[in-house]
Amino acid sequence: MDGPLSRRQLSQVLNYDDARAAARAVLPRYLFRDVDNGAQDELTLARNRQAFREVRLLPRMAVENPAPKIGTTLFGVELDL
């Protein structure tokens, strides 16, 4: 376990409602209520919820990748791992 939720538990978070339920399970009640309820007109909260609902994850199963690249570019410099 790396933190409050195990990798297995995090792998089961598939959408906004799953993430909300996971947060409720690990955060103290007062903190979850504060974050979950937003503030004043809750406009930002509503926009955030809508943005999360618009995200679509497309799984790529059975896609061949014979030589994966495990490097990255950092500040314009190619780094091989």
PDB file of N, CA and C in Angstrom:
ATOM      1  N   MET A   1       0.846  -1.182   0.000  1.00  0.00           N
ATOM      2  CA  MET A   1       0.000   0.000   0.000  1.00  0.00           C
ATOM      3  C   MET A   1       0.888   1.242   0.000  1.00  0.00           C
ATOM      4  N   ASP A   2       0.669   2.146  -0.951  1.00  0.00           N
ATOM      5  CA  ASP A   2       1.510   3.328  -1.097  1.00  0.00           C
ATOM      6  C   ASP A   2       0.973   4.533  -0.338  1.00  0.00           C
ATOM      7  N   GLY A   3      -0.262   4.552   0.034  1.00  0.00           N
ATOM      8  CA  GLY A   3      -0.886   5.695   0.683  1.00  0.00           C
ATOM      9  C   GLY A   3      -2.200   5.275   1.294  1.00  0.00           C
ATOM     10  N   PRO A   4      -3.115   6.219   1.446  1.00  0.00           N
ATOM     11  CA  PRO A   4      -4.403   5.903   2.058  1.00  0.00           C
ATOM     12  C   PRO A   4      -5.194   4.861   1.270  1.00  0.00           C
ATOM     13  N   LEU A   5      -5.011   4.806  -0.044  1.00  0.00           N
ATOM     14  CA  LEU A   5      -5.684   3.814  -0.873  1.00  0.00           C
ATOM     15  C   LEU A   5      -4.642   2.929  -1.543  1.00  0.00           C
ATOM     16  N   SER A   6      -4.932   1.644  -1.622  1.00  0.00           N
ATOM     17  CA  SER A   6      -4.004   0.736  -2.295  1.00  0.00           C
ATOM     18  C   SER A   6      -4.101   0.922  -3.804  1.00  0.00           C
ATOM     19  N   ARG A   7      -3.124   0.406  -4.516  1.00  0.00           N
ATOM     20  CA  ARG A   7      -3.160   0.474  -5.982  1.00  0.00           C
ATOM     21  C   ARG A   7      -4.411  -0.219  -6.511  1.00  0.00           C
ATOM     22  N   ARG A   8      -4.791  -1.316  -5.884  1.00  0.00           N
ATOM     23  CA  ARG A   8      -5.988  -2.049  -6.327  1.00  0.00           C
ATOM     24  C   ARG A   8      -7.232  -1.187  -6.158  1.00  0.00           C
ATOM     25  N   GLN A   9      -7.342  -0.514  -5.031  1.00  0.00           N
ATOM     26  CA  GLN A   9      -8.496   0.359  -4.805  1.00  0.00           C
ATOM     27  C   GLN A   9      -8.509   1.501  -5.813  1.00  0.00           C
ATOM     28  N   LEU A  10      -7.347   2.102  -6.073  1.00  0.00           N
ATOM     29  CA  LEU A  10      -7.277   3.195  -7.043  1.00  0.00           C
ATOM     30  C   LEU A  10      -7.603   2.718  -8.452  1.00  0.00           C
ATOM     31  N   SER A  11      -7.250   1.480  -8.765  1.00  0.00           N
ATOM     32  CA  SER A  11      -7.537   0.972 -10.108  1.00  0.00           C
ATOM     33  C   SER A  11      -9.038   0.808 -10.327  1.00  0.00           C
ATOM     34  N   GLN A  12      -9.814   0.802  -9.265  1.00  0.00           N
ATOM     35  CA  GLN A  12     -11.263   0.662  -9.384  1.00  0.00           C
ATOM     36  C   GLN A  12     -11.966   2.016  -9.494  1.00  0.00           C
ATOM     37  N   VAL A  13     -11.204   3.111  -9.419  1.00  0.00           N
ATOM     38  CA  VAL A  13     -11.773   4.450  -9.589  1.00  0.00           C
ATOM     39  C   VAL A  13     -11.860   4.727 -11.080  1.00  0.00           C
ATOM     40  N   LEU A  14     -13.089   4.727 -11.599  1.00  0.00           N
ATOM     41  CA  LEU A  14     -13.292   4.854 -13.035  1.00  0.00           C
ATOM     42  C   LEU A  14     -13.978   6.147 -13.448  1.00  0.00           C
ATOM     43  N   ASN A  15     -14.522   6.882 -12.487  1.00  0.00           N
ATOM     44  CA  ASN A  15     -15.232   8.106 -12.843  1.00  0.00           C
ATOM     45  C   ASN A  15     -15.289   9.035 -11.639  1.00  0.00           C
ATOM     46  N   TYR A  16     -15.945  10.165 -11.814  1.00  0.00           N
ATOM     47  CA  TYR A  16     -16.032  11.174 -10.758  1.00  0.00           C
ATOM     48  C   TYR A  16     -16.673  10.616  -9.493  1.00  0.00           C
ATOM     49  N   ASP A  17     -17.765   9.890  -9.643  1.00  0.00           N
ATOM     50  CA  ASP A  17     -18.463   9.365  -8.467  1.00  0.00           C
ATOM     51  C   ASP A  17     -17.619   8.355  -7.707  1.00  0.00           C
ATOM     52  N   ASP A  18     -16.839   7.531  -8.431  1.00  0.00           N
ATOM     53  CA  ASP A  18     -15.924   6.595  -7.773  1.00  0.00           C
ATOM     54  C   ASP A  18     -14.841   7.343  -7.001  1.00  0.00           C
ATOM     55  N   ALA A  19     -14.301   8.414  -7.618  1.00  0.00           N
ATOM     56  CA  ALA A  19     -13.261   9.209  -6.949  1.00  0.00           C
ATOM     57  C   ALA A  19     -13.821   9.878  -5.699  1.00  0.00           C
ATOM     58  N   ARG A  20     -15.044  10.358  -5.792  1.00  0.00           N
ATOM     59  CA  ARG A  20     -15.690  10.996  -4.645  1.00  0.00           C
ATOM     60  C   ARG A  20     -15.882   9.991  -3.500  1.00  0.00           C
ATOM     61  N   ALA A  21     -16.335   8.795  -3.835  1.00  0.00           N
ATOM     62  CA  ALA A  21     -16.530   7.752  -2.819  1.00  0.00           C
ATOM     63  C   ALA A  21     -15.202   7.348  -2.183  1.00  0.00           C
ATOM     64  N   ALA A  22     -14.142   7.267  -2.991  1.00  0.00           N
ATOM     65  CA  ALA A  22     -12.822   6.919  -2.456  1.00  0.00           C
ATOM     66  C   ALA A  22     -12.322   8.007  -1.514  1.00  0.00           C
ATOM     67  N   ALA A  23     -12.534   9.276  -1.897  1.00  0.00           N
ATOM     68  CA  ALA A  23     -12.118  10.389  -1.034  1.00  0.00           C
ATOM     69  C   ALA A  23     -12.899  10.365   0.275  1.00  0.00           C
ATOM     70  N   ARG A  24     -14.185  10.107   0.187  1.00  0.00           N
ATOM     71  CA  ARG A  24     -15.018  10.049   1.397  1.00  0.00           C
ATOM     72  C   ARG A  24     -14.524   8.949   2.343  1.00  0.00           C
ATOM     73  N   ALA A  25     -14.025   7.856   1.770  1.00  0.00           N
ATOM     74  CA  ALA A  25     -13.571   6.731   2.589  1.00  0.00           C
ATOM     75  C   ALA A  25     -12.290   7.029   3.363  1.00  0.00           C
ATOM     76  N   VAL A  26     -11.445   7.930   2.853  1.00  0.00           N
ATOM     77  CA  VAL A  26     -10.144   8.138   3.495  1.00  0.00           C
ATOM     78  C   VAL A  26      -9.979   9.495   4.172  1.00  0.00           C
ATOM     79  N   LEU A  27     -10.768  10.493   3.779  1.00  0.00           N
ATOM     80  CA  LEU A  27     -10.614  11.823   4.372  1.00  0.00           C
ATOM     81  C   LEU A  27     -11.424  11.945   5.659  1.00  0.00           C
ATOM     82  N   PRO A  28     -10.944  12.730   6.615  1.00  0.00           N
ATOM     83  CA  PRO A  28     -11.767  13.025   7.788  1.00  0.00           C
ATOM     84  C   PRO A  28     -13.077  13.686   7.336  1.00  0.00           C
ATOM     85  N   ARG A  29     -14.156  13.413   8.041  1.00  0.00           N
ATOM     86  CA  ARG A  29     -15.476  13.886   7.643  1.00  0.00           C
ATOM     87  C   ARG A  29     -15.520  15.397   7.412  1.00  0.00           C
ATOM     88  N   TYR A  30     -14.928  16.179   8.327  1.00  0.00           N
ATOM     89  CA  TYR A  30     -14.976  17.637   8.194  1.00  0.00           C
ATOM     90  C   TYR A  30     -14.271  18.098   6.917  1.00  0.00           C
ATOM     91  N   LEU A  31     -13.159  17.445   6.577  1.00  0.00           N
ATOM     92  CA  LEU A  31     -12.410  17.837   5.387  1.00  0.00           C
ATOM     93  C   LEU A  31     -13.158  17.441   4.115  1.00  0.00           C
ATOM     94  N   PHE A  32     -13.695  16.234   4.094  1.00  0.00           N
ATOM     95  CA  PHE A  32     -14.455  15.807   2.919  1.00  0.00           C
ATOM     96  C   PHE A  32     -15.641  16.740   2.687  1.00  0.00           C
ATOM     97  N   ARG A  33     -16.375  17.077   3.752  1.00  0.00           N
ATOM     98  CA  ARG A  33     -17.543  17.971   3.619  1.00  0.00           C
ATOM     99  C   ARG A  33     -17.120  19.313   3.052  1.00  0.00           C
ATOM    100  N   ASP A  34     -16.013  19.837   3.548  1.00  0.00           N
ATOM    101  CA  ASP A  34     -15.541  21.147   3.102  1.00  0.00           C
ATOM    102  C   ASP A  34     -15.195  21.129   1.614  1.00  0.00           C
ATOM    103  N   VAL A  35     -14.477  20.110   1.178  1.00  0.00           N
ATOM    104  CA  VAL A  35     -14.081  20.006  -0.221  1.00  0.00           C
ATOM    105  C   VAL A  35     -15.285  19.666  -1.098  1.00  0.00           C
ATOM    106  N   ASP A  36     -16.123  18.768  -0.639  1.00  0.00           N
ATOM    107  CA  ASP A  36     -17.261  18.300  -1.432  1.00  0.00           C
ATOM    108  C   ASP A  36     -18.338  19.364  -1.615  1.00  0.00           C
ATOM    109  N   ASN A  37     -18.512  20.230  -0.640  1.00  0.00           N
ATOM    110  CA  ASN A  37     -19.599  21.206  -0.708  1.00  0.00           C
ATOM    111  C   ASN A  37     -19.262  22.461  -1.505  1.00  0.00           C
ATOM    112  N   GLY A  38     -18.017  22.745  -1.749  1.00  0.00           N
ATOM    113  CA  GLY A  38     -17.668  23.955  -2.485  1.00  0.00           C
ATOM    114  C   GLY A  38     -17.880  25.181  -1.607  1.00  0.00           C
ATOM    115  N   ALA A  39     -18.027  26.337  -2.241  1.00  0.00           N
ATOM    116  CA  ALA A  39     -18.191  27.576  -1.485  1.00  0.00           C
ATOM    117  C   ALA A  39     -19.152  28.509  -2.205  1.00  0.00           C
ATOM    118  N   GLN A  40     -19.894  29.256  -1.475  1.00  0.00           N
ATOM    119  CA  GLN A  40     -20.832  30.273  -1.952  1.00  0.00           C
ATOM    120  C   GLN A  40     -21.729  29.743  -3.059  1.00  0.00           C
ATOM    121  N   ASP A  41     -21.591  30.232  -4.294  1.00  0.00           N
ATOM    122  CA  ASP A  41     -22.522  29.828  -5.351  1.00  0.00           C
ATOM    123  C   ASP A  41     -22.190  28.461  -5.954  1.00  0.00           C
ATOM    124  N   GLU A  42     -21.092  27.853  -5.548  1.00  0.00           N
ATOM    125  CA  GLU A  42     -20.663  26.525  -5.989  1.00  0.00           C
ATOM    126  C   GLU A  42     -20.483  26.426  -7.502  1.00  0.00           C
ATOM    127  N   LEU A  43     -20.239  27.548  -8.163  1.00  0.00           N
ATOM    128  CA  LEU A  43     -20.051  27.550  -9.609  1.00  0.00           C
ATOM    129  C   LEU A  43     -18.822  26.738 -10.010  1.00  0.00           C
ATOM    130  N   THR A  44     -17.715  26.939  -9.308  1.00  0.00           N
ATOM    131  CA  THR A  44     -16.497  26.190  -9.625  1.00  0.00           C
ATOM    132  C   THR A  44     -16.706  24.707  -9.392  1.00  0.00           C
ATOM    133  N   LEU A  45     -17.386  24.374  -8.318  1.00  0.00           N
ATOM    134  CA  LEU A  45     -17.675  22.969  -8.020  1.00  0.00           C
ATOM    135  C   LEU A  45     -18.478  22.339  -9.157  1.00  0.00           C
ATOM    136  N   ALA A  46     -19.499  23.019  -9.620  1.00  0.00           N
ATOM    137  CA  ALA A  46     -20.322  22.499 -10.718  1.00  0.00           C
ATOM    138  C   ALA A  46     -19.497  22.338 -11.995  1.00  0.00           C
ATOM    139  N   ARG A  47     -18.637  23.312 -12.287  1.00  0.00           N
ATOM    140  CA  ARG A  47     -17.801  23.223 -13.488  1.00  0.00           C
ATOM    141  C   ARG A  47     -16.794  22.079 -13.374  1.00  0.00           C
ATOM    142  N   ASN A  48     -16.219  21.897 -12.188  1.00  0.00           N
ATOM    143  CA  ASN A  48     -15.276  20.794 -11.993  1.00  0.00           C
ATOM    144  C   ASN A  48     -15.968  19.452 -12.188  1.00  0.00           C
ATOM    145  N   ARG A  49     -17.147  19.304 -11.627  1.00  0.00           N
ATOM    146  CA  ARG A  49     -17.890  18.050 -11.787  1.00  0.00           C
ATOM    147  C   ARG A  49     -18.175  17.783 -13.258  1.00  0.00           C
ATOM    148  N   GLN A  50     -18.602  18.815 -13.976  1.00  0.00           N
ATOM    149  CA  GLN A  50     -18.900  18.649 -15.394  1.00  0.00           C
ATOM    150  C   GLN A  50     -17.637  18.283 -16.172  1.00  0.00           C
ATOM    151  N   ALA A  51     -16.530  18.924 -15.851  1.00  0.00           N
ATOM    152  CA  ALA A  51     -15.272  18.624 -16.547  1.00  0.00           C
ATOM    153  C   ALA A  51     -14.858  17.177 -16.322  1.00  0.00           C
ATOM    154  N   PHE A  52     -14.992  16.671 -15.094  1.00  0.00           N
ATOM    155  CA  PHE A  52     -14.645  15.279 -14.816  1.00  0.00           C
ATOM    156  C   PHE A  52     -15.570  14.325 -15.564  1.00  0.00           C
ATOM    157  N   ARG A  53     -16.832  14.689 -15.680  1.00  0.00           N
ATOM    158  CA  ARG A  53     -17.787  13.821 -16.385  1.00  0.00           C
ATOM    159  C   ARG A  53     -17.525  13.782 -17.891  1.00  0.00           C
ATOM    160  N   GLU A  54     -16.878  14.806 -18.419  1.00  0.00           N
ATOM    161  CA  GLU A  54     -16.589  14.851 -19.852  1.00  0.00           C
ATOM    162  C   GLU A  54     -15.336  14.064 -20.238  1.00  0.00           C
ATOM    163  N   VAL A  55     -14.540  13.665 -19.264  1.00  0.00           N
ATOM    164  CA  VAL A  55     -13.324  12.903 -19.548  1.00  0.00           C
ATOM    165  C   VAL A  55     -13.709  11.474 -19.933  1.00  0.00           C
ATOM    166  N   ARG A  56     -13.169  11.026 -21.039  1.00  0.00           N
ATOM    167  CA  ARG A  56     -13.412   9.659 -21.493  1.00  0.00           C
ATOM    168  C   ARG A  56     -12.069   8.953 -21.604  1.00  0.00           C
ATOM    169  N   LEU A  57     -11.962   7.811 -20.959  1.00  0.00           N
ATOM    170  CA  LEU A  57     -10.756   7.007 -21.036  1.00  0.00           C
ATOM    171  C   LEU A  57     -10.987   5.898 -22.052  1.00  0.00           C
ATOM    172  N   LEU A  58     -10.069   5.759 -22.967  1.00  0.00           N
ATOM    173  CA  LEU A  58     -10.183   4.745 -23.993  1.00  0.00           C
ATOM    174  C   LEU A  58      -9.121   3.674 -23.768  1.00  0.00           C
ATOM    175  N   PRO A  59      -9.510   2.523 -23.250  1.00  0.00           N
ATOM    176  CA  PRO A  59      -8.522   1.462 -23.028  1.00  0.00           C
ATOM    177  C   PRO A  59      -7.991   0.939 -24.355  1.00  0.00           C
ATOM    178  N   ARG A  60      -6.724   0.642 -24.375  1.00  0.00           N
ATOM    179  CA  ARG A  60      -6.091   0.107 -25.587  1.00  0.00           C
ATOM    180  C   ARG A  60      -5.616  -1.300 -25.287  1.00  0.00           C
ATOM    181  N   MET A  61      -6.484  -2.256 -25.507  1.00  0.00           N
ATOM    182  CA  MET A  61      -6.141  -3.652 -25.234  1.00  0.00           C
ATOM    183  C   MET A  61      -5.646  -4.312 -26.508  1.00  0.00           C
ATOM    184  N   ALA A  62      -4.776  -5.245 -26.339  1.00  0.00           N
ATOM    185  CA  ALA A  62      -4.243  -6.036 -27.436  1.00  0.00           C
ATOM    186  C   ALA A  62      -3.578  -5.161 -28.498  1.00  0.00           C
ATOM    187  N   VAL A  63      -2.908  -4.123 -28.066  1.00  0.00           N
ATOM    188  CA  VAL A  63      -2.168  -3.260 -28.980  1.00  0.00           C
ATOM    189  C   VAL A  63      -0.699  -3.639 -28.872  1.00  0.00           C
ATOM    190  N   GLU A  64      -0.117  -3.990 -29.995  1.00  0.00           N
ATOM    191  CA  GLU A  64       1.281  -4.416 -29.991  1.00  0.00           C
ATOM    192  C   GLU A  64       2.210  -3.227 -29.807  1.00  0.00           C
ATOM    193  N   ASN A  65       3.148  -3.367 -28.916  1.00  0.00           N
ATOM    194  CA  ASN A  65       4.167  -2.358 -28.686  1.00  0.00           C
ATOM    195  C   ASN A  65       5.475  -3.106 -28.435  1.00  0.00           C
ATOM    196  N   PRO A  66       6.133  -3.546 -29.509  1.00  0.00           N
ATOM    197  CA  PRO A  66       7.287  -4.435 -29.358  1.00  0.00           C
ATOM    198  C   PRO A  66       8.488  -3.810 -28.651  1.00  0.00           C
ATOM    199  N   ALA A  67       8.711  -2.522 -28.798  1.00  0.00           N
ATOM    200  CA  ALA A  67       9.876  -1.889 -28.180  1.00  0.00           C
ATOM    201  C   ALA A  67       9.445  -0.583 -27.516  1.00  0.00           C
ATOM    202  N   PRO A  68       8.875  -0.675 -26.311  1.00  0.00           N
ATOM    203  CA  PRO A  68       8.422   0.557 -25.667  1.00  0.00           C
ATOM    204  C   PRO A  68       9.593   1.464 -25.304  1.00  0.00           C
ATOM    205  N   LYS A  69       9.371   2.754 -25.409  1.00  0.00           N
ATOM    206  CA  LYS A  69      10.382   3.732 -25.016  1.00  0.00           C
ATOM    207  C   LYS A  69      10.113   4.126 -23.573  1.00  0.00           C
ATOM    208  N   ILE A  70      11.124   4.022 -22.744  1.00  0.00           N
ATOM    209  CA  ILE A  70      10.940   4.371 -21.338  1.00  0.00           C
ATOM    210  C   ILE A  70      11.714   5.625 -20.952  1.00  0.00           C
ATOM    211  N   GLY A  71      12.013   6.428 -21.945  1.00  0.00           N
ATOM    212  CA  GLY A  71      12.699   7.692 -21.704  1.00  0.00           C
ATOM    213  C   GLY A  71      11.696   8.830 -21.636  1.00  0.00           C
ATOM    214  N   THR A  72      12.196  10.018 -21.474  1.00  0.00           N
ATOM    215  CA  THR A  72      11.343  11.198 -21.408  1.00  0.00           C
ATOM    216  C   THR A  72      12.135  12.417 -21.862  1.00  0.00           C
ATOM    217  N   THR A  73      11.455  13.518 -22.013  1.00  0.00           N
ATOM    218  CA  THR A  73      12.113  14.786 -22.327  1.00  0.00           C
ATOM    219  C   THR A  73      11.886  15.725 -21.162  1.00  0.00           C
ATOM    220  N   LEU A  74      12.959  16.274 -20.640  1.00  0.00           N
ATOM    221  CA  LEU A  74      12.873  17.172 -19.499  1.00  0.00           C
ATOM    222  C   LEU A  74      13.620  18.450 -19.850  1.00  0.00           C
ATOM    223  N   PHE A  75      12.895  19.580 -19.888  1.00  0.00           N
ATOM    224  CA  PHE A  75      13.472  20.857 -20.236  1.00  0.00           C
ATOM    225  C   PHE A  75      14.185  20.818 -21.590  1.00  0.00           C
ATOM    226  N   GLY A  76      13.571  20.073 -22.536  1.00  0.00           N
ATOM    227  CA  GLY A  76      14.123  19.983 -23.882  1.00  0.00           C
ATOM    228  C   GLY A  76      15.270  18.998 -24.030  1.00  0.00           C
ATOM    229  N   VAL A  77      15.622  18.277 -22.974  1.00  0.00           N
ATOM    230  CA  VAL A  77      16.716  17.306 -23.024  1.00  0.00           C
ATOM    231  C   VAL A  77      16.125  15.905 -22.995  1.00  0.00           C
ATOM    232  N   GLU A  78      16.489  15.077 -23.996  1.00  0.00           N
ATOM    233  CA  GLU A  78      16.025  13.688 -24.036  1.00  0.00           C
ATOM    234  C   GLU A  78      16.778  12.871 -22.989  1.00  0.00           C
ATOM    235  N   LEU A  79      16.034  12.156 -22.166  1.00  0.00           N
ATOM    236  CA  LEU A  79      16.630  11.322 -21.125  1.00  0.00           C
ATOM    237  C   LEU A  79      16.186   9.885 -21.342  1.00  0.00           C
ATOM    238  N   ASP A  80      17.139   8.975 -21.459  1.00  0.00           N
ATOM    239  CA  ASP A  80      16.836   7.546 -21.589  1.00  0.00           C
ATOM    240  C   ASP A  80      16.979   6.901 -20.214  1.00  0.00           C
ATOM    241  N   LEU A  81      16.033   6.051 -19.923  1.00  0.00           N
ATOM    242  CA  LEU A  81      16.090   5.353 -18.636  1.00  0.00           C
ATOM    243  C   LEU A  81      16.638   3.963 -18.807  1.00  0.00           C
TER     244      LEU A  81
END
